[in-house]
Amino acid sequence: MDALIAQIVEKTGVSEEIAGTIVDMVLENVKGQLPESMQGMVGGLLGGDGGEDAGGMLGKLGGMAGGLLNK
């Protein structure tokens, strides 16, 4: 999750604290839209347990978070 927070900070210029809050908000939103059996996968990807696809997922979540800031 630190990599995603760092990416948000770099791309948007917000503080790490704000970026962390954004990541938490996006995660909760994504988890809330998934079946319960899949919700743990989102946390696993951000916790570093997602394998090679984790980087792609982090990028997508970072893009979603960046979009929230630009509204």
PDB file of N, CA and C in Angstrom:
ATOM      1  N   MET A   1       0.832  -1.185   0.000  1.00  0.00           N
ATOM      2  CA  MET A   1       0.000   0.000   0.000  1.00  0.00           C
ATOM      3  C   MET A   1       0.875   1.247   0.000  1.00  0.00           C
ATOM      4  N   ASP A   2       2.078   1.130   0.548  1.00  0.00           N
ATOM      5  CA  ASP A   2       2.979   2.284   0.572  1.00  0.00           C
ATOM      6  C   ASP A   2       3.337   2.760  -0.829  1.00  0.00           C
ATOM      7  N   ALA A   3       3.467   1.805  -1.760  1.00  0.00           N
ATOM      8  CA  ALA A   3       3.803   2.182  -3.136  1.00  0.00           C
ATOM      9  C   ALA A   3       2.683   2.990  -3.768  1.00  0.00           C
ATOM     10  N   LEU A   4       1.446   2.604  -3.505  1.00  0.00           N
ATOM     11  CA  LEU A   4       0.307   3.338  -4.048  1.00  0.00           C
ATOM     12  C   LEU A   4       0.227   4.734  -3.439  1.00  0.00           C
ATOM     13  N   ILE A   5       0.430   4.832  -2.153  1.00  0.00           N
ATOM     14  CA  ILE A   5       0.405   6.132  -1.475  1.00  0.00           C
ATOM     15  C   ILE A   5       1.501   7.029  -2.048  1.00  0.00           C
ATOM     16  N   ALA A   6       2.703   6.473  -2.230  1.00  0.00           N
ATOM     17  CA  ALA A   6       3.803   7.257  -2.791  1.00  0.00           C
ATOM     18  C   ALA A   6       3.479   7.727  -4.205  1.00  0.00           C
ATOM     19  N   GLN A   7       2.832   6.869  -4.978  1.00  0.00           N
ATOM     20  CA  GLN A   7       2.460   7.239  -6.349  1.00  0.00           C
ATOM     21  C   GLN A   7       1.442   8.380  -6.343  1.00  0.00           C
ATOM     22  N   ILE A   8       0.483   8.330  -5.444  1.00  0.00           N
ATOM     23  CA  ILE A   8      -0.516   9.406  -5.351  1.00  0.00           C
ATOM     24  C   ILE A   8       0.143  10.704  -4.942  1.00  0.00           C
ATOM     25  N   VAL A   9       1.051  10.637  -3.950  1.00  0.00           N
ATOM     26  CA  VAL A   9       1.767  11.831  -3.503  1.00  0.00           C
ATOM     27  C   VAL A   9       2.556  12.438  -4.661  1.00  0.00           C
ATOM     28  N   GLU A  10       3.259  11.580  -5.406  1.00  0.00           N
ATOM     29  CA  GLU A  10       4.088  12.054  -6.512  1.00  0.00           C
ATOM     30  C   GLU A  10       3.253  12.698  -7.617  1.00  0.00           C
ATOM     31  N   LYS A  11       2.143  12.065  -7.968  1.00  0.00           N
ATOM     32  CA  LYS A  11       1.351  12.544  -9.101  1.00  0.00           C
ATOM     33  C   LYS A  11       0.452  13.722  -8.765  1.00  0.00           C
ATOM     34  N   THR A  12       0.062  13.847  -7.496  1.00  0.00           N
ATOM     35  CA  THR A  12      -0.895  14.896  -7.143  1.00  0.00           C
ATOM     36  C   THR A  12      -0.330  15.996  -6.256  1.00  0.00           C
ATOM     37  N   GLY A  13       0.753  15.684  -5.535  1.00  0.00           N
ATOM     38  CA  GLY A  13       1.334  16.672  -4.639  1.00  0.00           C
ATOM     39  C   GLY A  13       0.655  16.773  -3.283  1.00  0.00           C
ATOM     40  N   VAL A  14      -0.292  15.879  -2.993  1.00  0.00           N
ATOM     41  CA  VAL A  14      -0.930  15.900  -1.678  1.00  0.00           C
ATOM     42  C   VAL A  14      -0.007  15.247  -0.653  1.00  0.00           C
ATOM     43  N   SER A  15      -0.299  15.444   0.617  1.00  0.00           N
ATOM     44  CA  SER A  15       0.517  14.847   1.674  1.00  0.00           C
ATOM     45  C   SER A  15       0.293  13.337   1.747  1.00  0.00           C
ATOM     46  N   GLU A  16       1.225  12.645   2.395  1.00  0.00           N
ATOM     47  CA  GLU A  16       1.085  11.200   2.579  1.00  0.00           C
ATOM     48  C   GLU A  16      -0.165  10.874   3.390  1.00  0.00           C
ATOM     49  N   GLU A  17      -0.481  11.713   4.351  1.00  0.00           N
ATOM     50  CA  GLU A  17      -1.669  11.479   5.177  1.00  0.00           C
ATOM     51  C   GLU A  17      -2.946  11.516   4.329  1.00  0.00           C
ATOM     52  N   ILE A  18      -3.053  12.515   3.477  1.00  0.00           N
ATOM     53  CA  ILE A  18      -4.227  12.632   2.603  1.00  0.00           C
ATOM     54  C   ILE A  18      -4.257  11.474   1.612  1.00  0.00           C
ATOM     55  N   ALA A  19      -3.103  11.139   1.047  1.00  0.00           N
ATOM     56  CA  ALA A  19      -3.036  10.027   0.096  1.00  0.00           C
ATOM     57  C   ALA A  19      -3.470   8.727   0.774  1.00  0.00           C
ATOM     58  N   GLY A  20      -3.048   8.512   2.015  1.00  0.00           N
ATOM     59  CA  GLY A  20      -3.459   7.318   2.755  1.00  0.00           C
ATOM     60  C   GLY A  20      -4.964   7.278   2.975  1.00  0.00           C
ATOM     61  N   THR A  21      -5.537   8.421   3.267  1.00  0.00           N
ATOM     62  CA  THR A  21      -6.986   8.505   3.447  1.00  0.00           C
ATOM     63  C   THR A  21      -7.704   8.182   2.137  1.00  0.00           C
ATOM     64  N   ILE A  22      -7.175   8.686   1.036  1.00  0.00           N
ATOM     65  CA  ILE A  22      -7.758   8.420  -0.277  1.00  0.00           C
ATOM     66  C   ILE A  22      -7.709   6.918  -0.576  1.00  0.00           C
ATOM     67  N   VAL A  23      -6.576   6.296  -0.332  1.00  0.00           N
ATOM     68  CA  VAL A  23      -6.432   4.862  -0.580  1.00  0.00           C
ATOM     69  C   VAL A  23      -7.443   4.088   0.255  1.00  0.00           C
ATOM     70  N   ASP A  24      -7.575   4.444   1.515  1.00  0.00           N
ATOM     71  CA  ASP A  24      -8.547   3.762   2.389  1.00  0.00           C
ATOM     72  C   ASP A  24      -9.968   3.919   1.850  1.00  0.00           C
ATOM     73  N   MET A  25     -10.308   5.120   1.399  1.00  0.00           N
ATOM     74  CA  MET A  25     -11.650   5.370   0.869  1.00  0.00           C
ATOM     75  C   MET A  25     -11.908   4.544  -0.387  1.00  0.00           C
ATOM     76  N   VAL A  26     -10.941   4.527  -1.293  1.00  0.00           N
ATOM     77  CA  VAL A  26     -11.099   3.779  -2.535  1.00  0.00           C
ATOM     78  C   VAL A  26     -11.209   2.287  -2.232  1.00  0.00           C
ATOM     79  N   LEU A  27     -10.357   1.796  -1.329  1.00  0.00           N
ATOM     80  CA  LEU A  27     -10.408   0.377  -0.965  1.00  0.00           C
ATOM     81  C   LEU A  27     -11.766  -0.019  -0.409  1.00  0.00           C
ATOM     82  N   GLU A  28     -12.283   0.773   0.495  1.00  0.00           N
ATOM     83  CA  GLU A  28     -13.581   0.461   1.081  1.00  0.00           C
ATOM     84  C   GLU A  28     -14.678   0.473   0.023  1.00  0.00           C
ATOM     85  N   ASN A  29     -14.591   1.414  -0.906  1.00  0.00           N
ATOM     86  CA  ASN A  29     -15.575   1.488  -1.983  1.00  0.00           C
ATOM     87  C   ASN A  29     -15.487   0.265  -2.884  1.00  0.00           C
ATOM     88  N   VAL A  30     -14.283  -0.107  -3.273  1.00  0.00           N
ATOM     89  CA  VAL A  30     -14.091  -1.273  -4.137  1.00  0.00           C
ATOM     90  C   VAL A  30     -14.556  -2.536  -3.422  1.00  0.00           C
ATOM     91  N   LYS A  31     -14.146  -2.707  -2.171  1.00  0.00           N
ATOM     92  CA  LYS A  31     -14.551  -3.887  -1.399  1.00  0.00           C
ATOM     93  C   LYS A  31     -16.069  -3.965  -1.278  1.00  0.00           C
ATOM     94  N   GLY A  32     -16.711  -2.829  -1.081  1.00  0.00           N
ATOM     95  CA  GLY A  32     -18.154  -2.796  -0.918  1.00  0.00           C
ATOM     96  C   GLY A  32     -18.914  -3.207  -2.171  1.00  0.00           C
ATOM     97  N   GLN A  33     -18.260  -3.145  -3.312  1.00  0.00           N
ATOM     98  CA  GLN A  33     -18.906  -3.505  -4.562  1.00  0.00           C
ATOM     99  C   GLN A  33     -18.594  -4.933  -4.999  1.00  0.00           C
ATOM    100  N   LEU A  34     -17.767  -5.619  -4.241  1.00  0.00           N
ATOM    101  CA  LEU A  34     -17.399  -6.992  -4.558  1.00  0.00           C
ATOM    102  C   LEU A  34     -18.178  -7.972  -3.691  1.00  0.00           C
ATOM    103  N   PRO A  35     -18.352  -9.195  -4.190  1.00  0.00           N
ATOM    104  CA  PRO A  35     -18.922 -10.234  -3.325  1.00  0.00           C
ATOM    105  C   PRO A  35     -17.993 -10.454  -2.123  1.00  0.00           C
ATOM    106  N   GLU A  36     -18.558 -10.813  -1.001  1.00  0.00           N
ATOM    107  CA  GLU A  36     -17.779 -10.975   0.222  1.00  0.00           C
ATOM    108  C   GLU A  36     -16.589 -11.917   0.026  1.00  0.00           C
ATOM    109  N   SER A  37     -16.772 -12.943  -0.777  1.00  0.00           N
ATOM    110  CA  SER A  37     -15.705 -13.926  -0.986  1.00  0.00           C
ATOM    111  C   SER A  37     -14.499 -13.336  -1.721  1.00  0.00           C
ATOM    112  N   MET A  38     -14.669 -12.196  -2.374  1.00  0.00           N
ATOM    113  CA  MET A  38     -13.577 -11.579  -3.133  1.00  0.00           C
ATOM    114  C   MET A  38     -12.980 -10.352  -2.442  1.00  0.00           C
ATOM    115  N   GLN A  39     -13.595  -9.885  -1.383  1.00  0.00           N
ATOM    116  CA  GLN A  39     -13.146  -8.650  -0.746  1.00  0.00           C
ATOM    117  C   GLN A  39     -11.725  -8.745  -0.202  1.00  0.00           C
ATOM    118  N   GLY A  40     -11.337  -9.908   0.283  1.00  0.00           N
ATOM    119  CA  GLY A  40      -9.990 -10.077   0.826  1.00  0.00           C
ATOM    120  C   GLY A  40      -8.912  -9.969  -0.237  1.00  0.00           C
ATOM    121  N   MET A  41      -9.275 -10.216  -1.486  1.00  0.00           N
ATOM    122  CA  MET A  41      -8.295 -10.137  -2.570  1.00  0.00           C
ATOM    123  C   MET A  41      -7.773  -8.720  -2.748  1.00  0.00           C
ATOM    124  N   VAL A  42      -8.631  -7.737  -2.545  1.00  0.00           N
ATOM    125  CA  VAL A  42      -8.216  -6.339  -2.712  1.00  0.00           C
ATOM    126  C   VAL A  42      -7.155  -5.993  -1.676  1.00  0.00           C
ATOM    127  N   GLY A  43      -7.398  -6.327  -0.439  1.00  0.00           N
ATOM    128  CA  GLY A  43      -6.411  -6.079   0.610  1.00  0.00           C
ATOM    129  C   GLY A  43      -5.137  -6.860   0.384  1.00  0.00           C
ATOM    130  N   GLY A  44      -5.261  -8.082  -0.125  1.00  0.00           N
ATOM    131  CA  GLY A  44      -4.094  -8.899  -0.404  1.00  0.00           C
ATOM    132  C   GLY A  44      -3.211  -8.288  -1.478  1.00  0.00           C
ATOM    133  N   LEU A  45      -3.822  -7.722  -2.500  1.00  0.00           N
ATOM    134  CA  LEU A  45      -3.047  -7.076  -3.555  1.00  0.00           C
ATOM    135  C   LEU A  45      -2.255  -5.899  -3.013  1.00  0.00           C
ATOM    136  N   LEU A  46      -2.867  -5.126  -2.183  1.00  0.00           N
ATOM    137  CA  LEU A  46      -2.182  -3.949  -1.646  1.00  0.00           C
ATOM    138  C   LEU A  46      -1.210  -4.301  -0.541  1.00  0.00           C
ATOM    139  N   GLY A  47      -1.397  -5.461   0.059  1.00  0.00           N
ATOM    140  CA  GLY A  47      -0.476  -5.902   1.097  1.00  0.00           C
ATOM    141  C   GLY A  47       0.755  -6.588   0.539  1.00  0.00           C
ATOM    142  N   GLY A  48       0.830  -6.713  -0.791  1.00  0.00           N
ATOM    143  CA  GLY A  48       1.986  -7.333  -1.406  1.00  0.00           C
ATOM    144  C   GLY A  48       1.812  -8.803  -1.682  1.00  0.00           C
ATOM    145  N   ASP A  49       0.614  -9.340  -1.508  1.00  0.00           N
ATOM    146  CA  ASP A  49       0.379 -10.753  -1.723  1.00  0.00           C
ATOM    147  C   ASP A  49      -0.208 -11.035  -3.091  1.00  0.00           C
ATOM    148  N   GLY A  50      -0.230 -10.052  -3.965  1.00  0.00           N
ATOM    149  CA  GLY A  50      -0.929 -10.206  -5.226  1.00  0.00           C
ATOM    150  C   GLY A  50      -0.110 -10.677  -6.395  1.00  0.00           C
ATOM    151  N   GLY A  51       1.176 -10.932  -6.205  1.00  0.00           N
ATOM    152  CA  GLY A  51       1.988 -11.419  -7.302  1.00  0.00           C
ATOM    153  C   GLY A  51       2.231 -10.351  -8.350  1.00  0.00           C
ATOM    154  N   GLU A  52       2.465 -10.789  -9.580  1.00  0.00           N
ATOM    155  CA  GLU A  52       2.819  -9.863 -10.647  1.00  0.00           C
ATOM    156  C   GLU A  52       1.687  -8.917 -11.011  1.00  0.00           C
ATOM    157  N   ASP A  53       0.443  -9.323 -10.837  1.00  0.00           N
ATOM    158  CA  ASP A  53      -0.685  -8.480 -11.208  1.00  0.00           C
ATOM    159  C   ASP A  53      -0.922  -7.348 -10.211  1.00  0.00           C
ATOM    160  N   ALA A  54      -0.262  -7.404  -9.068  1.00  0.00           N
ATOM    161  CA  ALA A  54      -0.485  -6.387  -8.046  1.00  0.00           C
ATOM    162  C   ALA A  54      -0.101  -5.000  -8.550  1.00  0.00           C
ATOM    163  N   GLY A  55       0.979  -4.896  -9.307  1.00  0.00           N
ATOM    164  CA  GLY A  55       1.394  -3.595  -9.815  1.00  0.00           C
ATOM    165  C   GLY A  55       0.346  -2.965 -10.705  1.00  0.00           C
ATOM    166  N   GLY A  56      -0.275  -3.762 -11.551  1.00  0.00           N
ATOM    167  CA  GLY A  56      -1.328  -3.252 -12.418  1.00  0.00           C
ATOM    168  C   GLY A  56      -2.527  -2.775 -11.630  1.00  0.00           C
ATOM    169  N   MET A  57      -2.889  -3.542 -10.617  1.00  0.00           N
ATOM    170  CA  MET A  57      -4.021  -3.169  -9.770  1.00  0.00           C
ATOM    171  C   MET A  57      -3.704  -1.893  -9.002  1.00  0.00           C
ATOM    172  N   LEU A  58      -2.477  -1.785  -8.509  1.00  0.00           N
ATOM    173  CA  LEU A  58      -2.085  -0.570  -7.796  1.00  0.00           C
ATOM    174  C   LEU A  58      -2.180   0.643  -8.711  1.00  0.00           C
ATOM    175  N   GLY A  59      -1.760   0.475  -9.950  1.00  0.00           N
ATOM    176  CA  GLY A  59      -1.838   1.576 -10.900  1.00  0.00           C
ATOM    177  C   GLY A  59      -3.269   1.999 -11.161  1.00  0.00           C
ATOM    178  N   LYS A  60      -4.157   1.036 -11.304  1.00  0.00           N
ATOM    179  CA  LYS A  60      -5.565   1.344 -11.543  1.00  0.00           C
ATOM    180  C   LYS A  60      -6.180   2.057 -10.347  1.00  0.00           C
ATOM    181  N   LEU A  61      -5.877   1.556  -9.143  1.00  0.00           N
ATOM    182  CA  LEU A  61      -6.401   2.217  -7.947  1.00  0.00           C
ATOM    183  C   LEU A  61      -5.827   3.616  -7.796  1.00  0.00           C
ATOM    184  N   GLY A  62      -4.555   3.774  -8.144  1.00  0.00           N
ATOM    185  CA  GLY A  62      -3.937   5.100  -8.107  1.00  0.00           C
ATOM    186  C   GLY A  62      -4.617   6.046  -9.076  1.00  0.00           C
ATOM    187  N   GLY A  63      -4.960   5.549 -10.258  1.00  0.00           N
ATOM    188  CA  GLY A  63      -5.654   6.370 -11.242  1.00  0.00           C
ATOM    189  C   GLY A  63      -7.039   6.771 -10.749  1.00  0.00           C
ATOM    190  N   MET A  64      -7.723   5.840 -10.090  1.00  0.00           N
ATOM    191  CA  MET A  64      -9.043   6.152  -9.550  1.00  0.00           C
ATOM    192  C   MET A  64      -8.932   7.229  -8.477  1.00  0.00           C
ATOM    193  N   ALA A  65      -7.928   7.089  -7.625  1.00  0.00           N
ATOM    194  CA  ALA A  65      -7.738   8.067  -6.555  1.00  0.00           C
ATOM    195  C   ALA A  65      -7.380   9.423  -7.136  1.00  0.00           C
ATOM    196  N   GLY A  66      -6.527   9.433  -8.145  1.00  0.00           N
ATOM    197  CA  GLY A  66      -6.167  10.689  -8.800  1.00  0.00           C
ATOM    198  C   GLY A  66      -7.366  11.357  -9.422  1.00  0.00           C
ATOM    199  N   GLY A  67      -8.277  10.549  -9.988  1.00  0.00           N
ATOM    200  CA  GLY A  67      -9.497  11.083 -10.560  1.00  0.00           C
ATOM    201  C   GLY A  67     -10.377  11.728  -9.518  1.00  0.00           C
ATOM    202  N   LEU A  68     -10.396  11.168  -8.322  1.00  0.00           N
ATOM    203  CA  LEU A  68     -11.184  11.760  -7.244  1.00  0.00           C
ATOM    204  C   LEU A  68     -10.659  13.142  -6.870  1.00  0.00           C
ATOM    205  N   LEU A  69      -9.351  13.305  -6.916  1.00  0.00           N
ATOM    206  CA  LEU A  69      -8.759  14.584  -6.544  1.00  0.00           C
ATOM    207  C   LEU A  69      -8.996  15.660  -7.585  1.00  0.00           C
ATOM    208  N   ASN A  70      -9.141  15.255  -8.825  1.00  0.00           N
ATOM    209  CA  ASN A  70      -9.310  16.230  -9.906  1.00  0.00           C
ATOM    210  C   ASN A  70     -10.748  16.687 -10.074  1.00  0.00           C
ATOM    211  N   LYS A  71     -11.670  16.163  -9.289  1.00  0.00           N
ATOM    212  CA  LYS A  71     -13.072  16.567  -9.410  1.00  0.00           C
ATOM    213  C   LYS A  71     -13.350  17.771  -8.569  1.00  0.00           C
TER     214      LYS A  71
END
